[in-house]
Amino acid sequence: MKSILFKICFLAVFLLLSNKPDVQEFQGQAFYSSKSSMELGSWGARMSEAQKKQVAARLKNRLEKTYVLNFNKEESLFNEEDKLDAMSGATDSWGKNFARGEQYKNVKDNALVQNQEFYGKQFLVKDELQKFNWVMGKESKQIGQYMCFKASTIVPTTELNWYDFSWGSLRNAAPKEDGTTPEIQMTTIEAWYTPQIPVSHGPAEYWGLPGLILEVNAGNTTMLCTKIVMNPKGNLDLEAPSKGKEITKMAYQETITGKMKEMRDNRGRRRSR
């Protein structure tokens, strides 16, 4: 009798373990807000404080954004939440041309898939994940209910904002008059991660730490996690984007840079007539 009971108990334990939830069923949602300071350069030096405030109000949607990160152990999907333009009540259509699109990361496969729209044309950017040589710090701090630890690194600025474009960056990248190569602009990154959520994900391009990244300070932008929901009811959307012309990050940057130069040259020809 005892032998039969032992076999039944063993079978029950075996079935319980074999039905243990798959690793992919561990999932969560992290909500982030980001704030960027204005970089007005020499143009800003000629502006009054009132004018600067007016510009900041008009650019509010580009300077302050909110995002949601859906994730499991291996995958994440990062999206910006749409906002109405603070001045006109419409979405920021111009800014969308140079904004980060829906971003899928797979840390196991070292894969990035990102949807980008540029002047009505859809691109599907497929590449490797951004490389970060993190230096682990000893500092710690509390973010919400999570204990976080500091890590830092430095990367070329263009590797972080490859989907964006600015005439200033284009001028800085041009060869100097003496033929020398311009100095590569670098961005210092400070990240805070929590081992209490043991995944290697983070917002935007950031990943690769032994815990979910809850805060990032990079250049003139700070991104902070404001809310976390672990194992929400139902399956989260973690499907990679699939529509658009396939292209690499470098090829995409070359495409939008070429298009912007073409638009500039066309305007110049029209004015000279």
Protein backbone atom coordinates (compact mmCIF):
# COMPACT_ATOMS: atom_id res chain seq x y z
CA MET A 1 0.00 0.00 0.00
CA LYS A 2 2.80 2.42 0.92
CA SER A 3 4.57 1.57 -2.34
CA ILE A 4 1.44 2.47 -4.34
CA LEU A 5 1.01 5.77 -2.45
CA PHE A 6 4.67 6.62 -3.06
CA LYS A 7 4.27 6.00 -6.81
CA ILE A 8 1.14 8.15 -6.93
CA CYS A 9 2.89 11.01 -5.09
CA PHE A 10 5.93 10.72 -7.37
CA LEU A 11 3.70 10.82 -10.45
CA ALA A 12 1.84 13.89 -9.14
CA VAL A 13 5.10 15.76 -8.51
CA PHE A 14 6.41 14.78 -11.96
CA LEU A 15 3.26 16.06 -13.66
CA LEU A 16 3.37 19.27 -11.64
CA LEU A 17 6.98 19.96 -12.65
CA SER A 18 6.40 19.03 -16.29
CA ASN A 19 3.55 21.54 -16.42
CA LYS A 20 5.66 24.32 -14.94
CA PRO A 21 5.07 27.62 -16.78
CA ASP A 22 7.32 28.20 -19.80
CA VAL A 23 10.05 30.83 -19.43
CA GLN A 24 8.21 33.02 -21.93
CA GLU A 25 5.20 33.25 -19.58
CA PHE A 26 7.27 35.46 -17.28
CA GLN A 27 6.31 38.88 -18.58
CA GLY A 28 5.84 42.46 -17.55
CA GLN A 29 5.16 46.04 -18.56
CA ALA A 30 7.31 49.04 -17.72
CA PHE A 31 6.13 52.60 -18.37
CA TYR A 32 8.69 55.36 -18.92
CA SER A 33 8.67 59.13 -19.21
CA SER A 34 11.50 61.03 -20.85
CA LYS A 35 12.54 64.67 -20.70
CA SER A 36 15.09 66.39 -22.92
CA SER A 37 16.56 69.84 -22.50
CA MET A 38 16.66 72.19 -25.50
CA GLU A 39 19.91 72.61 -27.37
CA LEU A 40 19.61 75.99 -29.10
CA GLY A 41 23.30 76.65 -29.69
CA SER A 42 24.38 80.10 -30.88
CA TRP A 43 20.81 80.78 -32.04
CA GLY A 44 19.56 80.44 -28.46
CA ALA A 45 22.13 82.96 -27.20
CA ARG A 46 20.27 85.67 -29.13
CA MET A 47 16.86 84.76 -27.69
CA SER A 48 15.16 86.27 -24.66
CA GLU A 49 13.92 84.05 -21.81
CA ALA A 50 10.33 84.66 -22.97
CA GLN A 51 11.21 83.47 -26.49
CA LYS A 52 12.93 80.39 -25.10
CA LYS A 53 9.78 79.54 -23.11
CA GLN A 54 7.65 79.92 -26.24
CA VAL A 55 9.94 77.56 -28.16
CA ALA A 56 9.89 75.05 -25.28
CA ALA A 57 6.07 75.12 -25.23
CA ARG A 58 5.91 74.55 -29.00
CA LEU A 59 8.40 71.68 -28.81
CA LYS A 60 6.89 70.10 -25.69
CA ASN A 61 5.88 66.91 -27.51
CA ARG A 62 9.43 66.41 -28.71
CA LEU A 63 11.03 67.24 -25.37
CA GLU A 64 8.66 65.22 -23.14
CA LYS A 65 7.56 61.74 -24.19
CA THR A 66 6.00 58.63 -22.64
CA TYR A 67 6.71 55.02 -23.58
CA VAL A 68 5.71 51.47 -22.71
CA LEU A 69 8.04 48.46 -22.69
CA ASN A 70 6.48 44.98 -22.88
CA PHE A 71 8.93 42.20 -22.05
CA ASN A 72 9.55 38.57 -21.15
CA LYS A 73 12.85 36.82 -20.44
CA GLU A 74 14.16 37.08 -24.01
CA GLU A 75 12.06 39.61 -25.94
CA SER A 76 10.86 43.18 -25.56
CA LEU A 77 8.69 45.60 -27.53
CA PHE A 78 9.17 49.34 -26.97
CA ASN A 79 6.61 51.90 -28.14
CA GLU A 80 6.06 55.62 -27.81
CA GLU A 81 2.58 56.68 -26.73
CA ASP A 82 0.94 59.16 -29.11
CA LYS A 83 0.29 62.70 -27.85
CA LEU A 84 -1.49 65.68 -29.33
CA ASP A 85 0.57 68.71 -30.22
CA ALA A 86 0.44 71.19 -27.34
CA MET A 87 -0.11 74.16 -29.66
CA SER A 88 -2.25 72.90 -32.54
CA GLY A 89 -4.06 69.89 -31.04
CA ALA A 90 -2.72 67.66 -33.83
CA THR A 91 -0.10 64.94 -33.81
CA ASP A 92 3.46 66.03 -34.54
CA SER A 93 3.72 64.80 -38.15
CA TRP A 94 7.10 66.47 -38.84
CA GLY A 95 8.63 65.03 -35.69
CA LYS A 96 7.38 61.54 -36.59
CA ASN A 97 9.77 61.47 -39.57
CA PHE A 98 12.71 61.42 -37.16
CA ALA A 99 11.19 59.69 -34.13
CA ARG A 100 11.99 56.19 -32.93
CA GLY A 101 9.49 53.69 -34.34
CA GLU A 102 8.13 50.50 -32.79
CA GLN A 103 11.19 48.64 -31.53
CA TYR A 104 11.58 44.89 -30.97
CA LYS A 105 14.65 43.46 -29.26
CA ASN A 106 15.62 39.82 -28.73
CA VAL A 107 18.53 39.51 -26.30
CA LYS A 108 18.97 35.78 -26.95
CA ASP A 109 19.34 36.22 -30.71
CA ASN A 110 21.09 39.63 -30.48
CA ALA A 111 18.44 40.96 -32.86
CA LEU A 112 16.84 44.36 -33.39
CA VAL A 113 13.75 44.88 -35.57
CA GLN A 114 12.44 48.43 -35.77
CA ASN A 115 9.66 49.97 -37.85
CA GLN A 116 10.48 53.42 -39.26
CA GLU A 117 8.33 55.74 -41.37
CA PHE A 118 10.00 58.47 -43.37
CA TYR A 119 7.76 60.81 -45.38
CA GLY A 120 5.12 58.14 -45.88
CA LYS A 121 7.49 55.31 -46.80
CA GLN A 122 7.76 52.31 -44.48
CA PHE A 123 11.15 50.82 -43.58
CA LEU A 124 11.87 47.69 -41.55
CA VAL A 125 15.24 48.09 -39.90
CA LYS A 126 16.92 44.77 -39.03
CA ASP A 127 20.27 44.74 -37.31
CA GLU A 128 22.21 43.58 -34.28
CA LEU A 129 21.57 45.10 -30.87
CA GLN A 130 23.62 48.13 -29.87
CA LYS A 131 26.83 47.10 -28.10
CA PHE A 132 27.42 48.50 -24.61
CA ASN A 133 30.58 47.95 -22.60
CA TRP A 134 29.00 48.60 -19.23
CA VAL A 135 31.16 49.57 -16.25
CA MET A 136 29.45 48.39 -13.09
CA GLY A 137 29.35 50.92 -10.28
CA LYS A 138 28.94 50.52 -6.52
CA GLU A 139 26.31 53.25 -6.10
CA SER A 140 22.72 52.26 -5.37
CA LYS A 141 19.41 54.06 -4.97
CA GLN A 142 15.72 53.32 -4.63
CA ILE A 143 13.41 53.88 -7.61
CA GLY A 144 9.86 53.25 -6.47
CA GLN A 145 9.88 49.91 -4.66
CA TYR A 146 13.00 48.64 -6.43
CA MET A 147 16.62 48.83 -5.32
CA CYS A 148 18.73 49.90 -8.28
CA PHE A 149 22.45 49.87 -9.06
CA LYS A 150 24.47 52.13 -11.31
CA ALA A 151 26.27 51.24 -14.55
CA SER A 152 27.87 53.55 -17.09
CA THR A 153 29.43 53.55 -20.54
CA ILE A 154 30.33 55.80 -23.48
CA VAL A 155 29.22 55.21 -27.09
CA PRO A 156 29.34 57.19 -30.36
CA THR A 157 26.34 59.53 -30.42
CA THR A 158 25.35 58.51 -33.95
CA GLU A 159 24.89 54.90 -32.80
CA LEU A 160 22.16 55.99 -30.39
CA ASN A 161 20.22 58.30 -32.70
CA TRP A 162 20.70 56.55 -36.06
CA TYR A 163 16.98 57.05 -36.86
CA ASP A 164 17.26 60.84 -36.40
CA PHE A 165 18.71 63.63 -38.54
CA SER A 166 20.10 67.09 -37.89
CA TRP A 167 21.99 69.53 -40.07
CA GLY A 168 24.32 70.20 -37.17
CA SER A 169 25.40 66.54 -37.01
CA LEU A 170 25.88 66.53 -40.77
CA ARG A 171 28.14 69.61 -40.61
CA ASN A 172 30.13 68.15 -37.72
CA ALA A 173 30.69 64.90 -39.66
CA ALA A 174 32.02 66.67 -42.77
CA PRO A 175 35.81 66.63 -43.35
CA LYS A 176 37.62 69.73 -42.09
CA GLU A 177 39.23 72.25 -44.45
CA ASP A 178 42.67 70.83 -43.69
CA GLY A 179 41.45 67.38 -44.73
CA THR A 180 41.54 65.87 -41.24
CA THR A 181 38.76 63.62 -40.01
CA PRO A 182 36.41 65.30 -37.52
CA GLU A 183 36.39 64.03 -33.95
CA ILE A 184 33.71 61.43 -33.28
CA GLN A 185 31.07 62.78 -30.91
CA MET A 186 30.49 60.53 -27.89
CA THR A 187 27.62 60.26 -25.42
CA THR A 188 28.13 59.35 -21.78
CA ILE A 189 25.40 57.03 -20.48
CA GLU A 190 24.41 56.45 -16.86
CA ALA A 191 21.93 53.63 -16.25
CA TRP A 192 20.21 52.33 -13.12
CA TYR A 193 19.03 48.70 -13.13
CA THR A 194 17.25 46.46 -10.63
CA PRO A 195 18.23 42.80 -10.08
CA GLN A 196 14.76 42.33 -8.55
CA ILE A 197 13.49 41.99 -12.13
CA PRO A 198 16.10 39.62 -13.63
CA VAL A 199 15.85 40.48 -17.33
CA SER A 200 18.44 42.18 -19.57
CA HIS A 201 15.97 44.65 -21.08
CA GLY A 202 15.68 48.40 -20.96
CA PRO A 203 14.05 51.29 -22.78
CA ALA A 204 15.14 52.43 -26.26
CA GLU A 205 18.52 51.01 -27.35
CA TYR A 206 19.58 50.19 -23.78
CA TRP A 207 19.98 46.61 -22.57
CA GLY A 208 22.58 44.13 -21.34
CA LEU A 209 22.57 44.61 -17.56
CA PRO A 210 21.68 41.97 -14.90
CA GLY A 211 18.28 43.50 -14.27
CA LEU A 212 15.64 45.71 -15.86
CA ILE A 213 16.91 49.23 -16.53
CA LEU A 214 14.65 51.73 -14.75
CA GLU A 215 16.51 54.99 -15.42
CA VAL A 216 18.84 56.24 -18.15
CA ASN A 217 20.67 59.56 -18.37
CA ALA A 218 22.23 60.08 -21.79
CA GLY A 219 23.30 63.43 -23.20
CA ASN A 220 20.49 65.93 -22.67
CA THR A 221 17.82 63.25 -22.07
CA THR A 222 16.64 61.48 -18.92
CA MET A 223 14.34 58.46 -19.17
CA LEU A 224 12.67 57.24 -15.96
CA CYS A 225 10.40 54.27 -15.27
CA THR A 226 7.21 55.48 -13.57
CA LYS A 227 5.25 52.21 -13.26
CA ILE A 228 5.83 48.45 -13.50
CA VAL A 229 3.20 45.73 -13.88
CA MET A 230 4.51 42.18 -13.52
CA ASN A 231 2.68 39.24 -15.08
CA PRO A 232 -0.43 41.18 -16.19
CA LYS A 233 -3.50 39.20 -17.20
CA GLY A 234 -3.45 37.98 -20.78
CA ASN A 235 -0.50 37.70 -23.13
CA LEU A 236 1.39 40.88 -23.95
CA ASP A 237 2.10 41.90 -27.54
CA LEU A 238 5.71 40.95 -28.23
CA GLU A 239 5.49 40.42 -31.97
CA ALA A 240 8.22 42.02 -34.04
CA PRO A 241 7.20 44.56 -36.71
CA SER A 242 7.02 42.96 -40.15
CA LYS A 243 6.04 45.62 -42.70
CA GLY A 244 8.36 47.80 -44.73
CA LYS A 245 11.48 47.68 -46.85
CA GLU A 246 14.20 45.73 -45.03
CA ILE A 247 17.31 47.79 -44.34
CA THR A 248 20.18 48.06 -41.83
CA LYS A 249 20.67 50.94 -39.39
CA MET A 250 23.58 52.36 -41.38
CA ALA A 251 21.73 52.10 -44.69
CA TYR A 252 18.67 53.78 -43.18
CA GLN A 253 20.77 56.71 -41.93
CA GLU A 254 22.34 57.06 -45.38
CA THR A 255 18.87 56.99 -46.97
CA ILE A 256 17.35 59.78 -44.86
CA THR A 257 20.52 61.88 -45.06
CA GLY A 258 20.51 61.60 -48.85
CA LYS A 259 16.84 62.54 -49.00
CA MET A 260 17.31 65.60 -46.77
CA LYS A 261 20.25 66.79 -48.90
CA GLU A 262 18.11 66.36 -52.02
CA MET A 263 15.29 68.41 -50.49
CA ARG A 264 17.75 71.15 -49.50
CA ASP A 265 19.26 71.28 -52.99
CA ASN A 266 15.82 71.42 -54.62
CA ARG A 267 14.84 74.39 -52.44
CA GLY A 268 18.09 76.13 -53.34
CA ARG A 269 17.48 75.68 -57.08
CA ARG A 270 13.94 77.05 -56.79
CA ARG A 271 15.17 80.15 -54.95
CA SER A 272 17.90 80.83 -57.50
CA ARG A 273 15.43 80.97 -60.41
